[in-house]
C-alpha atoms as a PDB file:
ATOM      1  CA  UNK A   1     103.482 109.283  73.446  1.00  0.00           C
ATOM      2  CA  UNK A   2     106.039 110.500  75.932  1.00  0.00           C
ATOM      3  CA  UNK A   3     105.011 112.656  78.900  1.00  0.00           C
ATOM      4  CA  UNK A   4     101.357 112.358  78.003  1.00  0.00           C
ATOM      5  CA  UNK A   5      99.721 115.750  78.717  1.00  0.00           C
ATOM      6  CA  UNK A   6      96.268 114.158  78.765  1.00  0.00           C
ATOM      7  CA  UNK A   7      97.080 112.080  81.867  1.00  0.00           C
ATOM      8  CA  UNK A   8      95.420 113.990  84.707  1.00  0.00           C
ATOM      9  CA  UNK A   9      96.760 112.385  87.892  1.00  0.00           C
ATOM     10  CA  UNK A  10      94.375 114.345  90.120  1.00  0.00           C
ATOM     11  CA  UNK A  11      91.360 113.154  88.146  1.00  0.00           C
ATOM     12  CA  UNK A  12      92.657 109.570  88.098  1.00  0.00           C
ATOM     13  CA  UNK A  13      93.145 109.694  91.862  1.00  0.00           C
ATOM     14  CA  UNK A  14      89.667 111.077  92.523  1.00  0.00           C
ATOM     15  CA  UNK A  15      88.058 108.593  90.149  1.00  0.00           C
ATOM     16  CA  UNK A  16      89.895 105.412  91.096  1.00  0.00           C
ATOM     17  CA  UNK A  17      91.036 105.777  94.700  1.00  0.00           C
ATOM     18  CA  UNK A  18      87.967 104.389  96.511  1.00  0.00           C
ATOM     19  CA  UNK A  19      87.730 101.275  94.348  1.00  0.00           C
ATOM     20  CA  UNK A  20      91.436 100.599  94.652  1.00  0.00           C
ATOM     21  CA  UNK A  21      91.312 101.014  98.436  1.00  0.00           C
ATOM     22  CA  UNK A  22      88.475  98.460  98.574  1.00  0.00           C
ATOM     23  CA  UNK A  23      90.541  96.062  96.466  1.00  0.00           C
ATOM     24  CA  UNK A  24      93.611  96.563  98.654  1.00  0.00           C
ATOM     25  CA  UNK A  25      91.520  96.217 101.823  1.00  0.00           C
ATOM     26  CA  UNK A  26      90.310  92.819 100.699  1.00  0.00           C
ATOM     27  CA  UNK A  27      93.902  91.765 100.105  1.00  0.00           C
ATOM     28  CA  UNK A  28      95.675  93.177 103.162  1.00  0.00           C
ATOM     29  CA  UNK A  29      92.782  93.245 105.642  1.00  0.00           C
ATOM     30  CA  UNK A  30      93.431  96.595 107.289  1.00  0.00           C
ATOM     31  CA  UNK A  31      92.429 100.043 106.094  1.00  0.00           C
ATOM     32  CA  UNK A  32      95.573 102.064 106.879  1.00  0.00           C
ATOM     33  CA  UNK A  33      97.765  99.544 105.056  1.00  0.00           C
ATOM     34  CA  UNK A  34      95.303  99.407 102.145  1.00  0.00           C
ATOM     35  CA  UNK A  35      95.470 103.189 101.832  1.00  0.00           C
ATOM     36  CA  UNK A  36      99.277 103.049 101.879  1.00  0.00           C
ATOM     37  CA  UNK A  37      99.270 100.365  99.171  1.00  0.00           C
ATOM     38  CA  UNK A  38      97.062 102.543  96.956  1.00  0.00           C
ATOM     39  CA  UNK A  39      99.122 105.646  97.659  1.00  0.00           C
ATOM     40  CA  UNK A  40     102.251 103.758  96.616  1.00  0.00           C
ATOM     41  CA  UNK A  41     100.527 102.682  93.384  1.00  0.00           C
ATOM     42  CA  UNK A  42      99.676 106.302  92.558  1.00  0.00           C
ATOM     43  CA  UNK A  43     103.204 107.360  93.467  1.00  0.00           C
ATOM     44  CA  UNK A  44     104.509 104.780  90.986  1.00  0.00           C
ATOM     45  CA  UNK A  45     102.139 106.141  88.335  1.00  0.00           C
ATOM     46  CA  UNK A  46     103.371 109.658  89.060  1.00  0.00           C
ATOM     47  CA  UNK A  47     107.010 108.563  88.757  1.00  0.00           C
ATOM     48  CA  UNK A  48     106.331 106.721  85.505  1.00  0.00           C
ATOM     49  CA  UNK A  49     103.824 109.119  83.938  1.00  0.00           C
ATOM     50  CA  UNK A  50     106.310 109.928  81.165  1.00  0.00           C
ATOM     51  CA  UNK A  51     106.166 106.295  80.033  1.00  0.00           C
ATOM     52  CA  UNK A  52     102.364 106.156  79.791  1.00  0.00           C
ATOM     53  CA  UNK A  53     101.595 105.353  76.182  1.00  0.00           C
ATOM     54  CA  UNK A  54      97.909 104.562  76.443  1.00  0.00           C
ATOM     55  CA  UNK A  55      95.686 106.514  78.828  1.00  0.00           C
ATOM     56  CA  UNK A  56      93.170 103.646  78.740  1.00  0.00           C
ATOM     57  CA  UNK A  57      95.714 101.341  80.406  1.00  0.00           C
ATOM     58  CA  UNK A  58      96.077 103.497  83.544  1.00  0.00           C
ATOM     59  CA  UNK A  59      93.379 101.531  85.392  1.00  0.00           C
ATOM     60  CA  UNK A  60      95.073  98.226  84.629  1.00  0.00           C
ATOM     61  CA  UNK A  61      98.452  99.657  85.671  1.00  0.00           C
ATOM     62  CA  UNK A  62      97.014 100.831  89.003  1.00  0.00           C
ATOM     63  CA  UNK A  63      95.228  97.518  89.718  1.00  0.00           C
ATOM     64  CA  UNK A  64      98.414  95.594  89.001  1.00  0.00           C
ATOM     65  CA  UNK A  65     100.431  97.953  91.200  1.00  0.00           C
ATOM     66  CA  UNK A  66      97.921  97.610  94.048  1.00  0.00           C
ATOM     67  CA  UNK A  67      97.979  93.807  93.827  1.00  0.00           C
ATOM     68  CA  UNK A  68     101.777  93.684  93.652  1.00  0.00           C
ATOM     69  CA  UNK A  69     102.150  96.134  96.544  1.00  0.00           C
ATOM     70  CA  UNK A  70      99.608  94.181  98.609  1.00  0.00           C
ATOM     71  CA  UNK A  71     101.412  90.922  97.901  1.00  0.00           C
ATOM     72  CA  UNK A  72     104.641  92.545  99.102  1.00  0.00           C
ATOM     73  CA  UNK A  73     102.921  93.616 102.308  1.00  0.00           C
ATOM     74  CA  UNK A  74     101.567  90.098 102.841  1.00  0.00           C
ATOM     75  CA  UNK A  75     105.011  88.548 102.243  1.00  0.00           C
ATOM     76  CA  UNK A  76     106.592  90.912 104.770  1.00  0.00           C
ATOM     77  CA  UNK A  77     103.832  90.166 107.285  1.00  0.00           C
ATOM     78  CA  UNK A  78     104.287  86.447 106.811  1.00  0.00           C
ATOM     79  CA  UNK A  79     108.047  86.683 107.394  1.00  0.00           C
ATOM     80  CA  UNK A  80     107.534  88.897 110.430  1.00  0.00           C
ATOM     81  CA  UNK A  81     104.831  86.717 111.964  1.00  0.00           C
ATOM     82  CA  UNK A  82     107.108  83.689 111.890  1.00  0.00           C
ATOM     83  CA  UNK A  83     109.168  85.376 114.584  1.00  0.00           C
ATOM     84  CA  UNK A  84     106.430  87.028 116.630  1.00  0.00           C
ATOM     85  CA  UNK A  85     103.827  85.452 118.914  1.00  0.00           C
ATOM     86  CA  UNK A  86     100.259  85.572 117.575  1.00  0.00           C
ATOM     87  CA  UNK A  87      98.170  88.510 118.748  1.00  0.00           C
ATOM     88  CA  UNK A  88      94.414  88.070 119.010  1.00  0.00           C
ATOM     89  CA  UNK A  89      92.288  90.926 117.736  1.00  0.00           C
ATOM     90  CA  UNK A  90      88.996  91.260 119.606  1.00  0.00           C
ATOM     91  CA  UNK A  91      87.005  92.807 116.794  1.00  0.00           C
ATOM     92  CA  UNK A  92      87.448  94.406 113.393  1.00  0.00           C
ATOM     93  CA  UNK A  93      87.834  98.168 113.233  1.00  0.00           C
ATOM     94  CA  UNK A  94      84.824 100.436 112.900  1.00  0.00           C
ATOM     95  CA  UNK A  95      85.912 101.415 109.376  1.00  0.00           C
ATOM     96  CA  UNK A  96      85.355  97.860 108.184  1.00  0.00           C
ATOM     97  CA  UNK A  97      81.784  97.906 109.450  1.00  0.00           C
ATOM     98  CA  UNK A  98      81.083 101.106 107.568  1.00  0.00           C
ATOM     99  CA  UNK A  99      82.548  99.877 104.287  1.00  0.00           C
ATOM    100  CA  UNK A 100      80.992  96.430 104.160  1.00  0.00           C
ATOM    101  CA  UNK A 101      77.379  95.305 104.397  1.00  0.00           C
ATOM    102  CA  UNK A 102      76.404  92.781 107.075  1.00  0.00           C
ATOM    103  CA  UNK A 103      75.550  90.009 104.613  1.00  0.00           C
ATOM    104  CA  UNK A 104      79.069  90.147 103.151  1.00  0.00           C
ATOM    105  CA  UNK A 105      80.893  89.994 106.464  1.00  0.00           C
ATOM    106  CA  UNK A 106      80.737  86.208 106.854  1.00  0.00           C
ATOM    107  CA  UNK A 107      81.980  85.659 103.304  1.00  0.00           C
ATOM    108  CA  UNK A 108      84.793  88.139 103.830  1.00  0.00           C
ATOM    109  CA  UNK A 109      85.737  86.413 107.078  1.00  0.00           C
ATOM    110  CA  UNK A 110      86.153  83.232 105.025  1.00  0.00           C
ATOM    111  CA  UNK A 111      88.235  85.080 102.422  1.00  0.00           C
ATOM    112  CA  UNK A 112      90.466  86.500 105.172  1.00  0.00           C
ATOM    113  CA  UNK A 113      91.315  82.949 106.244  1.00  0.00           C
ATOM    114  CA  UNK A 114      92.744  82.112 102.815  1.00  0.00           C
ATOM    115  CA  UNK A 115      96.472  82.046 102.081  1.00  0.00           C
ATOM    116  CA  UNK A 116      97.656  85.209 100.252  1.00  0.00           C
ATOM    117  CA  UNK A 117      97.726  83.650  96.770  1.00  0.00           C
ATOM    118  CA  UNK A 118      94.204  82.276  97.023  1.00  0.00           C
ATOM    119  CA  UNK A 119      92.967  85.517  98.562  1.00  0.00           C
ATOM    120  CA  UNK A 120      94.434  87.498  95.660  1.00  0.00           C
ATOM    121  CA  UNK A 121      92.816  85.224  93.061  1.00  0.00           C
ATOM    122  CA  UNK A 122      89.372  85.380  94.690  1.00  0.00           C
ATOM    123  CA  UNK A 123      89.593  89.128  95.230  1.00  0.00           C
ATOM    124  CA  UNK A 124      90.627  89.869  91.668  1.00  0.00           C
ATOM    125  CA  UNK A 125      88.089  87.482  90.176  1.00  0.00           C
ATOM    126  CA  UNK A 126      84.997  88.416  92.174  1.00  0.00           C
ATOM    127  CA  UNK A 127      85.654  91.951  93.389  1.00  0.00           C
ATOM    128  CA  UNK A 128      87.996  93.070  90.654  1.00  0.00           C
ATOM    129  CA  UNK A 129      85.825  91.437  87.963  1.00  0.00           C
ATOM    130  CA  UNK A 130      88.919  90.210  86.153  1.00  0.00           C
ATOM    131  CA  UNK A 131      89.293  87.204  83.867  1.00  0.00           C
ATOM    132  CA  UNK A 132      91.520  84.269  84.766  1.00  0.00           C
ATOM    133  CA  UNK A 133      93.906  85.387  82.034  1.00  0.00           C
ATOM    134  CA  UNK A 134      94.179  88.909  83.474  1.00  0.00           C
ATOM    135  CA  UNK A 135      94.698  87.495  86.971  1.00  0.00           C
ATOM    136  CA  UNK A 136      97.418  85.159  85.689  1.00  0.00           C
ATOM    137  CA  UNK A 137      99.222  88.104  84.094  1.00  0.00           C
ATOM    138  CA  UNK A 138      99.052  90.179  87.282  1.00  0.00           C
ATOM    139  CA  UNK A 139     100.138  87.342  89.562  1.00  0.00           C
ATOM    140  CA  UNK A 140     102.757  85.994  87.171  1.00  0.00           C
ATOM    141  CA  UNK A 141     101.290  82.496  86.997  1.00  0.00           C
ATOM    142  CA  UNK A 142      99.419  80.318  84.511  1.00  0.00           C
ATOM    143  CA  UNK A 143      95.674  80.387  83.837  1.00  0.00           C
ATOM    144  CA  UNK A 144      95.536  76.813  85.143  1.00  0.00           C
ATOM    145  CA  UNK A 145      97.250  77.941  88.332  1.00  0.00           C
ATOM    146  CA  UNK A 146      94.660  80.672  88.782  1.00  0.00           C
ATOM    147  CA  UNK A 147      91.813  78.198  88.288  1.00  0.00           C
ATOM    148  CA  UNK A 148      93.385  75.746  90.720  1.00  0.00           C
ATOM    149  CA  UNK A 149      93.887  78.443  93.364  1.00  0.00           C
ATOM    150  CA  UNK A 150      90.307  79.655  92.851  1.00  0.00           C
ATOM    151  CA  UNK A 151      88.905  76.152  93.214  1.00  0.00           C
ATOM    152  CA  UNK A 152      90.794  75.535  96.454  1.00  0.00           C
ATOM    153  CA  UNK A 153      89.833  78.966  97.774  1.00  0.00           C
ATOM    154  CA  UNK A 154      86.142  78.533  97.041  1.00  0.00           C
ATOM    155  CA  UNK A 155      86.164  75.136  98.735  1.00  0.00           C
ATOM    156  CA  UNK A 156      87.674  76.684 101.873  1.00  0.00           C
ATOM    157  CA  UNK A 157      85.227  79.597 101.876  1.00  0.00           C
ATOM    158  CA  UNK A 158      82.278  77.184 101.440  1.00  0.00           C
ATOM    159  CA  UNK A 159      83.532  75.131 104.391  1.00  0.00           C
ATOM    160  CA  UNK A 160      83.745  78.311 106.453  1.00  0.00           C
ATOM    161  CA  UNK A 161      80.184  79.263 105.489  1.00  0.00           C
ATOM    162  CA  UNK A 162      78.894  75.787 106.398  1.00  0.00           C
ATOM    163  CA  UNK A 163      80.489  76.067 109.831  1.00  0.00           C
ATOM    164  CA  UNK A 164      78.928  79.518 110.304  1.00  0.00           C
ATOM    165  CA  UNK A 165      75.470  78.310 109.244  1.00  0.00           C
ATOM    166  CA  UNK A 166      75.698  75.079 111.254  1.00  0.00           C
END
């Protein structure tokens, strides 16, 4: 169905924005960038709204766009950081404290230490509640690759938690 009149972009934005920002925040680790990533995903939906064939797939389209946009941000950061000296951040922003409960902070600190691919897998699996197959499709890898990345990521997060508890 071309130019689907039943696609209400305003309603989609109001319904999905907060969850997508949380997803993006877990991937890119800063709220302004996460909001930009989500805004770009909605802009892409707006530009391609004439191609929407199934209204039920809008959520999947937006999640994929957020993950792909976040991965692009992380790639650009990685390239940039190779040429810049490391900058220490004293503390996370106040927005992070408001969005996340205290008991999750240590786990999220461990997730933040993961390489981008592992971070994406863990975020999509546990916060995005996606199957390994769905994650593989979004990340353009195999199901085995997703499972391998998840295994390595969980091992690293567990090690981080042990250090924090010790």
